[in-house]
Amino acid sequence: MLLWLRRNVFWLRVEAALTVVSLLALGVAEPLRGPSEKDLLDALGRRIVTVLEHASLTEHHDHGHDIAQGDRVLCAAEAFGHEPADARRIEEVRWAYAYYLCAAAPAGTPWDVAPRISGPVAVQLSEPPVVRIAQSGAGYPDRVKALIPARYQARVNGFTDSSIPDSLRKRYAAEVADTPATPQSTP
């Protein structure tokens, strides 16, 4: 055994060095590759939620969602695409496409009676962001087709991950429904 080890020590050192170099290269290359498409879509979903929840009353009204002063707006979004399609970092994305759900109501309002709106959304990630939602009514499918690129049309009909709207409902319960209503002052 000792004789075998003496004869092969050179090759064992070479193999050990190659293993170390390979592990180091993997450790350097992995961060350079950037986030995966799933990571990018998750980040875009969070960005869309932020944009929708911070929209003004006028912007919400323009999207078909009547919100009163003092209503709390909570949203969830599942991003399914972006432009340019080959973007790998959120900073490279100009437009993000998602399916969203928003609920808005004053404190103390149960989920079952809270006004909600959902559907596909296109968000331009500019400053300020631009939100585009297809208006409901006659011709809605055509407006959705005009809003969302053809390669993403299969994703415009709802959430593929049921945990997303479920988590919104739980968040709504904690932040709106279970919060005591503030008394309105009368003149």
N, C-alpha and C. Protein backbone atom coordinates (compact mmCIF):
# COMPACT_ATOMS: atom_id res chain seq x y z
N MET A 1 0.83 -1.19 0.00
CA MET A 1 0.00 0.00 0.00
C MET A 1 0.87 1.25 0.00
N LEU A 2 1.93 1.22 0.81
CA LEU A 2 2.83 2.36 0.90
C LEU A 2 3.53 2.59 -0.44
N LEU A 3 3.92 1.52 -1.09
CA LEU A 3 4.57 1.63 -2.39
C LEU A 3 3.61 2.22 -3.41
N TRP A 4 2.37 1.78 -3.38
CA TRP A 4 1.35 2.33 -4.31
C TRP A 4 1.16 3.82 -4.07
N LEU A 5 1.11 4.22 -2.82
CA LEU A 5 0.92 5.62 -2.46
C LEU A 5 2.09 6.47 -2.95
N ARG A 6 3.32 5.97 -2.80
CA ARG A 6 4.50 6.71 -3.27
C ARG A 6 4.45 6.90 -4.79
N ARG A 7 4.05 5.88 -5.50
CA ARG A 7 4.02 5.95 -6.96
C ARG A 7 2.92 6.90 -7.46
N ASN A 8 1.84 7.03 -6.72
CA ASN A 8 0.68 7.79 -7.20
C ASN A 8 0.45 9.12 -6.49
N VAL A 9 1.35 9.51 -5.61
CA VAL A 9 1.16 10.75 -4.87
C VAL A 9 1.07 11.96 -5.81
N PHE A 10 1.84 11.95 -6.88
CA PHE A 10 1.78 13.06 -7.84
C PHE A 10 0.36 13.20 -8.40
N TRP A 11 -0.22 12.09 -8.83
CA TRP A 11 -1.57 12.15 -9.44
C TRP A 11 -2.64 12.49 -8.40
N LEU A 12 -2.46 12.05 -7.18
CA LEU A 12 -3.41 12.41 -6.13
C LEU A 12 -3.38 13.91 -5.87
N ARG A 13 -2.18 14.51 -5.90
CA ARG A 13 -2.08 15.96 -5.74
C ARG A 13 -2.75 16.70 -6.89
N VAL A 14 -2.55 16.20 -8.10
CA VAL A 14 -3.18 16.83 -9.28
C VAL A 14 -4.70 16.76 -9.16
N GLU A 15 -5.23 15.61 -8.78
CA GLU A 15 -6.67 15.46 -8.63
C GLU A 15 -7.21 16.37 -7.52
N ALA A 16 -6.50 16.47 -6.42
CA ALA A 16 -6.93 17.34 -5.33
C ALA A 16 -6.92 18.80 -5.78
N ALA A 17 -5.87 19.20 -6.50
CA ALA A 17 -5.79 20.58 -6.99
C ALA A 17 -6.92 20.88 -7.97
N LEU A 18 -7.22 19.95 -8.86
CA LEU A 18 -8.32 20.14 -9.82
C LEU A 18 -9.66 20.24 -9.10
N THR A 19 -9.84 19.47 -8.06
CA THR A 19 -11.08 19.54 -7.28
C THR A 19 -11.22 20.90 -6.62
N VAL A 20 -10.15 21.40 -6.04
CA VAL A 20 -10.18 22.72 -5.39
C VAL A 20 -10.47 23.80 -6.42
N VAL A 21 -9.80 23.76 -7.57
CA VAL A 21 -10.01 24.76 -8.62
C VAL A 21 -11.45 24.70 -9.12
N SER A 22 -12.00 23.52 -9.30
CA SER A 22 -13.39 23.38 -9.76
C SER A 22 -14.37 23.97 -8.76
N LEU A 23 -14.17 23.70 -7.49
CA LEU A 23 -15.05 24.24 -6.46
C LEU A 23 -14.96 25.76 -6.40
N LEU A 24 -13.76 26.30 -6.51
CA LEU A 24 -13.59 27.76 -6.52
C LEU A 24 -14.27 28.38 -7.74
N ALA A 25 -14.11 27.76 -8.90
CA ALA A 25 -14.73 28.28 -10.11
C ALA A 25 -16.25 28.27 -9.98
N LEU A 26 -16.79 27.23 -9.41
CA LEU A 26 -18.24 27.15 -9.20
C LEU A 26 -18.69 28.24 -8.24
N GLY A 27 -17.92 28.47 -7.20
CA GLY A 27 -18.26 29.51 -6.23
C GLY A 27 -18.21 30.91 -6.82
N VAL A 28 -17.36 31.13 -7.81
CA VAL A 28 -17.28 32.44 -8.47
C VAL A 28 -18.33 32.56 -9.56
N ALA A 29 -18.55 31.52 -10.32
CA ALA A 29 -19.47 31.57 -11.46
C ALA A 29 -20.93 31.68 -11.03
N GLU A 30 -21.30 31.04 -9.95
CA GLU A 30 -22.70 31.04 -9.51
C GLU A 30 -23.23 32.45 -9.26
N PRO A 31 -22.54 33.29 -8.49
CA PRO A 31 -23.05 34.65 -8.29
C PRO A 31 -23.05 35.49 -9.57
N LEU A 32 -22.12 35.22 -10.47
CA LEU A 32 -22.05 35.99 -11.71
C LEU A 32 -23.21 35.67 -12.64
N ARG A 33 -23.77 34.49 -12.52
CA ARG A 33 -24.85 34.06 -13.39
C ARG A 33 -26.12 34.86 -13.14
N GLY A 34 -26.31 35.36 -11.95
CA GLY A 34 -27.49 36.17 -11.65
C GLY A 34 -28.65 35.31 -11.21
N PRO A 35 -29.76 35.98 -10.90
CA PRO A 35 -30.93 35.25 -10.41
C PRO A 35 -31.58 34.40 -11.51
N SER A 36 -32.27 33.37 -11.08
CA SER A 36 -32.99 32.53 -12.04
C SER A 36 -34.24 33.27 -12.51
N GLU A 37 -34.88 32.74 -13.53
CA GLU A 37 -36.12 33.34 -14.03
C GLU A 37 -37.19 33.35 -12.93
N LYS A 38 -37.26 32.29 -12.14
CA LYS A 38 -38.23 32.25 -11.04
C LYS A 38 -37.94 33.35 -10.03
N ASP A 39 -36.65 33.53 -9.69
CA ASP A 39 -36.28 34.60 -8.75
C ASP A 39 -36.66 35.96 -9.31
N LEU A 40 -36.43 36.17 -10.60
CA LEU A 40 -36.77 37.45 -11.23
C LEU A 40 -38.28 37.66 -11.20
N LEU A 41 -39.06 36.64 -11.54
CA LEU A 41 -40.52 36.78 -11.52
C LEU A 41 -41.04 37.03 -10.10
N ASP A 42 -40.45 36.38 -9.10
CA ASP A 42 -40.85 36.63 -7.71
C ASP A 42 -40.57 38.08 -7.32
N ALA A 43 -39.40 38.59 -7.71
CA ALA A 43 -39.05 39.99 -7.41
C ALA A 43 -39.99 40.94 -8.14
N LEU A 44 -40.33 40.63 -9.38
CA LEU A 44 -41.26 41.47 -10.13
C LEU A 44 -42.64 41.45 -9.48
N GLY A 45 -43.07 40.30 -9.00
CA GLY A 45 -44.36 40.21 -8.30
C GLY A 45 -44.38 41.12 -7.08
N ARG A 46 -43.30 41.11 -6.31
CA ARG A 46 -43.22 41.99 -5.13
C ARG A 46 -43.24 43.46 -5.54
N ARG A 47 -42.53 43.79 -6.62
CA ARG A 47 -42.50 45.18 -7.09
C ARG A 47 -43.89 45.62 -7.54
N ILE A 48 -44.62 44.76 -8.24
CA ILE A 48 -45.97 45.09 -8.70
C ILE A 48 -46.89 45.31 -7.51
N VAL A 49 -46.79 44.48 -6.49
CA VAL A 49 -47.61 44.66 -5.28
C VAL A 49 -47.34 46.04 -4.69
N THR A 50 -46.09 46.41 -4.58
CA THR A 50 -45.73 47.73 -4.03
C THR A 50 -46.34 48.85 -4.86
N VAL A 51 -46.23 48.74 -6.17
CA VAL A 51 -46.79 49.78 -7.06
C VAL A 51 -48.29 49.88 -6.87
N LEU A 52 -48.99 48.74 -6.87
CA LEU A 52 -50.45 48.76 -6.74
C LEU A 52 -50.90 49.29 -5.38
N GLU A 53 -50.23 48.87 -4.33
CA GLU A 53 -50.64 49.30 -2.99
C GLU A 53 -50.36 50.77 -2.72
N HIS A 54 -49.43 51.35 -3.45
CA HIS A 54 -49.09 52.76 -3.24
C HIS A 54 -49.68 53.68 -4.30
N ALA A 55 -50.54 53.15 -5.16
CA ALA A 55 -51.19 53.99 -6.17
C ALA A 55 -52.15 54.97 -5.49
N SER A 56 -52.33 56.11 -6.11
CA SER A 56 -53.24 57.12 -5.55
C SER A 56 -54.69 56.70 -5.74
N LEU A 57 -55.60 57.38 -5.05
CA LEU A 57 -57.03 57.12 -5.22
C LEU A 57 -57.43 57.31 -6.68
N THR A 58 -56.92 58.34 -7.32
CA THR A 58 -57.23 58.61 -8.73
C THR A 58 -56.73 57.48 -9.61
N GLU A 59 -55.51 57.01 -9.37
CA GLU A 59 -54.97 55.92 -10.18
C GLU A 59 -55.81 54.66 -10.00
N HIS A 60 -56.22 54.35 -8.78
CA HIS A 60 -57.07 53.18 -8.56
C HIS A 60 -58.41 53.36 -9.28
N HIS A 61 -58.97 54.54 -9.21
CA HIS A 61 -60.24 54.81 -9.91
C HIS A 61 -60.07 54.61 -11.41
N ASP A 62 -58.96 55.08 -11.97
CA ASP A 62 -58.69 54.92 -13.40
C ASP A 62 -58.58 53.45 -13.79
N HIS A 63 -58.26 52.59 -12.84
CA HIS A 63 -58.14 51.16 -13.10
C HIS A 63 -59.45 50.42 -12.83
N GLY A 64 -60.49 51.16 -12.46
CA GLY A 64 -61.79 50.54 -12.22
C GLY A 64 -62.00 50.09 -10.79
N HIS A 65 -61.21 50.56 -9.87
CA HIS A 65 -61.30 50.14 -8.47
C HIS A 65 -61.64 51.37 -7.65
N ASP A 66 -62.88 51.44 -7.20
CA ASP A 66 -63.31 52.59 -6.41
C ASP A 66 -62.84 52.43 -4.97
N ILE A 67 -62.01 53.34 -4.56
CA ILE A 67 -61.44 53.31 -3.22
C ILE A 67 -61.75 54.63 -2.55
N ALA A 68 -62.20 54.54 -1.31
CA ALA A 68 -62.52 55.75 -0.55
C ALA A 68 -61.32 56.18 0.28
N GLN A 69 -61.30 57.45 0.63
CA GLN A 69 -60.26 57.96 1.51
C GLN A 69 -60.30 57.16 2.81
N GLY A 70 -59.16 56.70 3.28
CA GLY A 70 -59.10 55.92 4.51
C GLY A 70 -59.16 54.42 4.30
N ASP A 71 -59.49 53.96 3.08
CA ASP A 71 -59.48 52.52 2.81
C ASP A 71 -58.04 52.03 2.81
N ARG A 72 -57.86 50.83 3.28
CA ARG A 72 -56.55 50.18 3.24
C ARG A 72 -56.54 49.29 2.00
N VAL A 73 -55.54 49.43 1.15
CA VAL A 73 -55.41 48.65 -0.08
C VAL A 73 -54.33 47.60 0.12
N LEU A 74 -54.70 46.34 -0.09
CA LEU A 74 -53.75 45.23 -0.02
C LEU A 74 -53.83 44.45 -1.31
N CYS A 75 -52.69 44.06 -1.85
CA CYS A 75 -52.67 43.37 -3.13
C CYS A 75 -51.73 42.16 -3.08
N ALA A 76 -51.93 41.28 -4.04
CA ALA A 76 -51.03 40.16 -4.31
C ALA A 76 -50.86 40.11 -5.81
N ALA A 77 -49.71 39.65 -6.26
CA ALA A 77 -49.46 39.55 -7.70
C ALA A 77 -48.54 38.37 -7.97
N GLU A 78 -48.82 37.70 -9.07
CA GLU A 78 -47.96 36.61 -9.54
C GLU A 78 -47.47 37.00 -10.93
N ALA A 79 -46.21 37.42 -11.01
CA ALA A 79 -45.64 37.83 -12.29
C ALA A 79 -45.46 36.61 -13.18
N PHE A 80 -45.73 36.80 -14.47
CA PHE A 80 -45.55 35.69 -15.40
C PHE A 80 -44.74 36.06 -16.63
N GLY A 81 -44.32 37.31 -16.74
CA GLY A 81 -43.52 37.69 -17.89
C GLY A 81 -42.97 39.08 -17.77
N HIS A 82 -42.09 39.43 -18.72
CA HIS A 82 -41.46 40.75 -18.71
C HIS A 82 -40.91 41.08 -20.08
N GLU A 83 -40.69 42.37 -20.29
CA GLU A 83 -40.04 42.89 -21.49
C GLU A 83 -38.84 43.69 -21.04
N PRO A 84 -37.72 43.52 -21.62
CA PRO A 84 -37.42 42.54 -22.65
C PRO A 84 -37.44 41.12 -22.07
N ALA A 85 -37.81 40.18 -22.92
CA ALA A 85 -37.98 38.79 -22.48
C ALA A 85 -36.67 38.17 -22.02
N ASP A 86 -35.54 38.69 -22.50
CA ASP A 86 -34.25 38.11 -22.12
C ASP A 86 -33.61 38.80 -20.91
N ALA A 87 -34.34 39.68 -20.25
CA ALA A 87 -33.82 40.36 -19.05
C ALA A 87 -33.56 39.32 -17.97
N ARG A 88 -32.48 39.51 -17.24
CA ARG A 88 -32.13 38.59 -16.16
C ARG A 88 -32.10 39.29 -14.81
N ARG A 89 -32.10 40.61 -14.81
CA ARG A 89 -32.10 41.38 -13.56
C ARG A 89 -33.26 42.35 -13.60
N ILE A 90 -33.81 42.67 -12.44
CA ILE A 90 -34.98 43.54 -12.37
C ILE A 90 -34.69 44.92 -12.96
N GLU A 91 -33.43 45.35 -12.87
CA GLU A 91 -33.06 46.65 -13.42
C GLU A 91 -33.15 46.68 -14.94
N GLU A 92 -33.13 45.54 -15.58
CA GLU A 92 -33.20 45.45 -17.04
C GLU A 92 -34.64 45.43 -17.54
N VAL A 93 -35.60 45.19 -16.67
CA VAL A 93 -37.00 45.02 -17.07
C VAL A 93 -37.66 46.38 -17.27
N ARG A 94 -38.32 46.55 -18.42
CA ARG A 94 -39.08 47.77 -18.69
C ARG A 94 -40.56 47.57 -18.37
N TRP A 95 -41.12 46.43 -18.75
CA TRP A 95 -42.52 46.10 -18.49
C TRP A 95 -42.58 44.75 -17.79
N ALA A 96 -43.46 44.66 -16.80
CA ALA A 96 -43.70 43.40 -16.10
C ALA A 96 -45.17 43.05 -16.25
N TYR A 97 -45.47 41.78 -16.42
CA TYR A 97 -46.84 41.30 -16.60
C TYR A 97 -47.16 40.32 -15.48
N ALA A 98 -48.37 40.47 -14.94
CA ALA A 98 -48.75 39.64 -13.79
C ALA A 98 -50.25 39.47 -13.73
N TYR A 99 -50.67 38.53 -12.91
CA TYR A 99 -52.06 38.41 -12.51
C TYR A 99 -52.11 38.95 -11.09
N TYR A 100 -53.06 39.82 -10.80
CA TYR A 100 -53.11 40.48 -9.49
C TYR A 100 -54.48 40.34 -8.86
N LEU A 101 -54.51 40.57 -7.55
CA LEU A 101 -55.74 40.63 -6.77
C LEU A 101 -55.55 41.71 -5.73
N CYS A 102 -56.48 42.66 -5.68
CA CYS A 102 -56.43 43.72 -4.67
C CYS A 102 -57.75 43.75 -3.92
N ALA A 103 -57.68 44.04 -2.64
CA ALA A 103 -58.85 44.25 -1.80
C ALA A 103 -58.64 45.58 -1.09
N ALA A 104 -59.73 46.34 -0.97
CA ALA A 104 -59.63 47.65 -0.31
C ALA A 104 -60.87 47.88 0.53
N ALA A 105 -60.65 48.29 1.76
CA ALA A 105 -61.77 48.56 2.66
C ALA A 105 -61.25 49.27 3.89
N PRO A 106 -62.16 49.91 4.62
CA PRO A 106 -61.74 50.50 5.89
C PRO A 106 -61.50 49.41 6.94
N ALA A 107 -60.78 49.77 7.98
CA ALA A 107 -60.48 48.84 9.07
C ALA A 107 -61.77 48.23 9.61
N GLY A 108 -61.69 46.95 9.96
CA GLY A 108 -62.83 46.24 10.54
C GLY A 108 -63.75 45.59 9.52
N THR A 109 -63.49 45.76 8.23
CA THR A 109 -64.34 45.19 7.19
C THR A 109 -63.94 43.74 6.92
N PRO A 110 -64.88 42.79 7.04
CA PRO A 110 -64.56 41.39 6.75
C PRO A 110 -64.21 41.19 5.27
N TRP A 111 -63.39 40.20 5.01
CA TRP A 111 -62.96 39.86 3.65
C TRP A 111 -64.16 39.63 2.73
N ASP A 112 -65.17 38.94 3.21
CA ASP A 112 -66.30 38.56 2.36
C ASP A 112 -67.06 39.75 1.79
N VAL A 113 -66.99 40.90 2.43
CA VAL A 113 -67.72 42.07 1.93
C VAL A 113 -66.79 43.16 1.39
N ALA A 114 -65.49 42.91 1.43
CA ALA A 114 -64.53 43.90 0.93
C ALA A 114 -64.56 43.93 -0.60
N PRO A 115 -64.57 45.12 -1.18
CA PRO A 115 -64.46 45.21 -2.64
C PRO A 115 -63.11 44.67 -3.10
N ARG A 116 -63.14 43.84 -4.14
CA ARG A 116 -61.92 43.25 -4.68
C ARG A 116 -61.92 43.40 -6.19
N ILE A 117 -60.74 43.44 -6.75
CA ILE A 117 -60.57 43.49 -8.19
C ILE A 117 -59.37 42.62 -8.54
N SER A 118 -59.47 41.93 -9.66
CA SER A 118 -58.36 41.06 -10.07
C SER A 118 -58.32 40.97 -11.58
N GLY A 119 -57.19 40.51 -12.08
CA GLY A 119 -57.03 40.32 -13.51
C GLY A 119 -55.58 40.50 -13.91
N PRO A 120 -55.34 40.44 -15.21
CA PRO A 120 -53.98 40.67 -15.69
C PRO A 120 -53.63 42.15 -15.62
N VAL A 121 -52.35 42.42 -15.41
CA VAL A 121 -51.87 43.80 -15.30
C VAL A 121 -50.52 43.90 -16.01
N ALA A 122 -50.29 45.05 -16.61
CA ALA A 122 -48.99 45.38 -17.19
C ALA A 122 -48.48 46.60 -16.44
N VAL A 123 -47.25 46.52 -15.95
CA VAL A 123 -46.67 47.62 -15.19
C VAL A 123 -45.35 48.04 -15.84
N GLN A 124 -45.30 49.30 -16.23
CA GLN A 124 -44.04 49.85 -16.74
C GLN A 124 -43.22 50.27 -15.53
N LEU A 125 -42.02 49.72 -15.42
CA LEU A 125 -41.18 49.98 -14.25
C LEU A 125 -40.35 51.24 -14.48
N SER A 126 -41.06 52.34 -14.62
CA SER A 126 -40.43 53.64 -14.80
C SER A 126 -40.63 54.43 -13.52
N GLU A 127 -40.18 55.67 -13.52
CA GLU A 127 -40.39 56.52 -12.35
C GLU A 127 -41.16 57.75 -12.78
N PRO A 128 -42.42 57.90 -12.50
CA PRO A 128 -43.24 56.98 -11.71
C PRO A 128 -43.67 55.77 -12.56
N PRO A 129 -44.03 54.68 -11.90
CA PRO A 129 -44.49 53.51 -12.64
C PRO A 129 -45.82 53.79 -13.33
N VAL A 130 -46.06 53.06 -14.42
CA VAL A 130 -47.31 53.17 -15.16
C VAL A 130 -48.02 51.82 -15.07
N VAL A 131 -49.28 51.84 -14.64
CA VAL A 131 -50.07 50.62 -14.50
C VAL A 131 -51.13 50.60 -15.58
N ARG A 132 -51.23 49.47 -16.28
CA ARG A 132 -52.26 49.32 -17.30
C ARG A 132 -53.06 48.06 -16.99
N ILE A 133 -54.38 48.24 -16.94
CA ILE A 133 -55.31 47.14 -16.67
C ILE A 133 -56.40 47.21 -17.73
N ALA A 134 -56.78 46.07 -18.28
CA ALA A 134 -57.86 46.03 -19.27
C ALA A 134 -59.18 46.33 -18.56
N GLN A 135 -59.91 47.31 -19.07
CA GLN A 135 -61.21 47.66 -18.48
C GLN A 135 -62.20 46.53 -18.73
N SER A 136 -63.05 46.28 -17.74
CA SER A 136 -64.06 45.22 -17.87
C SER A 136 -65.15 45.66 -18.84
N GLY A 137 -66.01 44.73 -19.16
CA GLY A 137 -67.13 45.04 -20.05
C GLY A 137 -66.95 44.39 -21.42
N ALA A 138 -67.84 44.77 -22.34
CA ALA A 138 -67.80 44.22 -23.69
C ALA A 138 -66.43 44.49 -24.31
N GLY A 139 -65.87 43.48 -24.94
CA GLY A 139 -64.56 43.61 -25.57
C GLY A 139 -63.38 43.36 -24.64
N TYR A 140 -63.65 42.91 -23.41
CA TYR A 140 -62.58 42.68 -22.43
C TYR A 140 -61.50 41.73 -22.96
N PRO A 141 -61.86 40.58 -23.54
CA PRO A 141 -60.81 39.67 -24.03
C PRO A 141 -59.89 40.34 -25.06
N ASP A 142 -60.45 41.18 -25.92
CA ASP A 142 -59.62 41.87 -26.91
C ASP A 142 -58.69 42.88 -26.24
N ARG A 143 -59.16 43.55 -25.20
CA ARG A 143 -58.31 44.50 -24.48
C ARG A 143 -57.18 43.78 -23.75
N VAL A 144 -57.47 42.59 -23.22
CA VAL A 144 -56.41 41.80 -22.57
C VAL A 144 -55.37 41.38 -23.60
N LYS A 145 -55.83 40.96 -24.78
CA LYS A 145 -54.89 40.56 -25.84
C LYS A 145 -54.02 41.73 -26.28
N ALA A 146 -54.57 42.92 -26.27
CA ALA A 146 -53.80 44.11 -26.64
C ALA A 146 -52.82 44.50 -25.53
N LEU A 147 -53.13 44.17 -24.30
CA LEU A 147 -52.32 44.56 -23.15
C LEU A 147 -51.15 43.61 -22.89
N ILE A 148 -51.40 42.32 -23.02
CA ILE A 148 -50.42 41.29 -22.65
C ILE A 148 -49.87 40.64 -23.93
N PRO A 149 -48.54 40.54 -24.08
CA PRO A 149 -47.97 39.90 -25.27
C PRO A 149 -48.50 38.48 -25.47
N ALA A 150 -48.57 38.07 -26.73
CA ALA A 150 -49.14 36.77 -27.10
C ALA A 150 -48.48 35.60 -26.36
N ARG A 151 -47.18 35.66 -26.15
CA ARG A 151 -46.49 34.52 -25.52
C ARG A 151 -46.92 34.30 -24.07
N TYR A 152 -47.59 35.30 -23.46
CA TYR A 152 -48.04 35.19 -22.08
C TYR A 152 -49.55 35.02 -21.95
N GLN A 153 -50.27 34.95 -23.05
CA GLN A 153 -51.74 34.90 -23.01
C GLN A 153 -52.28 33.72 -22.20
N ALA A 154 -51.58 32.61 -22.18
CA ALA A 154 -52.06 31.44 -21.43
C ALA A 154 -52.09 31.69 -19.92
N ARG A 155 -51.42 32.73 -19.46
CA ARG A 155 -51.31 32.99 -18.01
C ARG A 155 -52.26 34.07 -17.50
N VAL A 156 -53.12 34.62 -18.34
CA VAL A 156 -53.93 35.78 -17.95
C VAL A 156 -55.20 35.43 -17.18
N ASN A 157 -55.47 34.16 -16.96
CA ASN A 157 -56.77 33.77 -16.39
C ASN A 157 -56.76 33.42 -14.91
N GLY A 158 -55.70 33.70 -14.21
CA GLY A 158 -55.71 33.43 -12.77
C GLY A 158 -54.34 33.07 -12.24
N PHE A 159 -54.31 32.87 -10.93
CA PHE A 159 -53.07 32.50 -10.25
C PHE A 159 -52.77 31.03 -10.51
N THR A 160 -51.51 30.70 -10.75
CA THR A 160 -51.12 29.30 -10.85
C THR A 160 -50.69 28.77 -9.49
N ASP A 161 -50.33 29.68 -8.60
CA ASP A 161 -49.93 29.32 -7.23
C ASP A 161 -51.03 29.80 -6.28
N SER A 162 -51.84 28.87 -5.79
CA SER A 162 -52.98 29.24 -4.94
C SER A 162 -52.56 29.82 -3.59
N SER A 163 -51.30 29.66 -3.22
CA SER A 163 -50.85 30.22 -1.95
C SER A 163 -50.77 31.75 -2.01
N ILE A 164 -50.68 32.32 -3.20
CA ILE A 164 -50.57 33.78 -3.31
C ILE A 164 -51.86 34.47 -2.89
N PRO A 165 -53.03 34.12 -3.46
CA PRO A 165 -54.25 34.76 -2.95
C PRO A 165 -54.57 34.34 -1.52
N ASP A 166 -54.21 33.12 -1.13
CA ASP A 166 -54.43 32.70 0.25
C ASP A 166 -53.65 33.57 1.23
N SER A 167 -52.41 33.89 0.87
CA SER A 167 -51.60 34.73 1.77
C SER A 167 -52.16 36.15 1.81
N LEU A 168 -52.74 36.63 0.71
CA LEU A 168 -53.37 37.95 0.74
C LEU A 168 -54.56 37.95 1.68
N ARG A 169 -55.34 36.89 1.62
CA ARG A 169 -56.51 36.82 2.50
C ARG A 169 -56.09 36.82 3.98
N LYS A 170 -55.03 36.08 4.30
CA LYS A 170 -54.53 36.07 5.68
C LYS A 170 -53.99 37.44 6.07
N ARG A 171 -53.27 38.06 5.16
CA ARG A 171 -52.74 39.40 5.44
C ARG A 171 -53.87 40.40 5.64
N TYR A 172 -54.92 40.28 4.81
CA TYR A 172 -56.08 41.16 4.93
C TYR A 172 -56.74 40.98 6.31
N ALA A 173 -56.88 39.73 6.72
CA ALA A 173 -57.49 39.46 8.02
C ALA A 173 -56.69 40.13 9.14
N ALA A 174 -55.39 40.03 9.08
CA ALA A 174 -54.54 40.60 10.13
C ALA A 174 -54.48 42.12 10.09
N GLU A 175 -54.45 42.70 8.89
CA GLU A 175 -54.20 44.14 8.77
C GLU A 175 -55.46 44.98 8.58
N VAL A 176 -56.57 44.36 8.17
CA VAL A 176 -57.79 45.14 7.92
C VAL A 176 -58.96 44.60 8.72
N ALA A 177 -59.34 43.35 8.48
CA ALA A 177 -60.55 42.80 9.09
C ALA A 177 -60.46 42.76 10.61
N ASP A 178 -59.32 42.38 11.14
CA ASP A 178 -59.18 42.25 12.59
C ASP A 178 -58.75 43.55 13.27
N THR A 179 -58.69 44.63 12.51
CA THR A 179 -58.32 45.93 13.05
C THR A 179 -59.58 46.70 13.39
N PRO A 180 -59.68 47.25 14.58
CA PRO A 180 -60.90 47.99 14.93
C PRO A 180 -61.12 49.19 14.01
N ALA A 181 -62.37 49.40 13.66
CA ALA A 181 -62.72 50.55 12.83
C ALA A 181 -62.50 51.82 13.63
N THR A 182 -62.02 52.84 12.96
CA THR A 182 -61.83 54.13 13.63
C THR A 182 -63.14 54.89 13.56
N PRO A 183 -63.57 55.46 14.67
CA PRO A 183 -64.84 56.19 14.66
C PRO A 183 -64.75 57.43 13.77
N GLN A 184 -65.82 57.66 13.03
CA GLN A 184 -65.91 58.84 12.17
C GLN A 184 -66.37 60.02 13.00
N SER A 185 -65.68 61.13 12.86
CA SER A 185 -66.11 62.32 13.60
C SER A 185 -67.23 63.02 12.84
N THR A 186 -68.18 63.52 13.55
CA THR A 186 -69.30 64.24 12.92
C THR A 186 -69.18 65.72 13.25
N PRO A 187 -69.52 66.59 12.29
CA PRO A 187 -69.38 68.02 12.53
C PRO A 187 -70.40 68.56 13.49
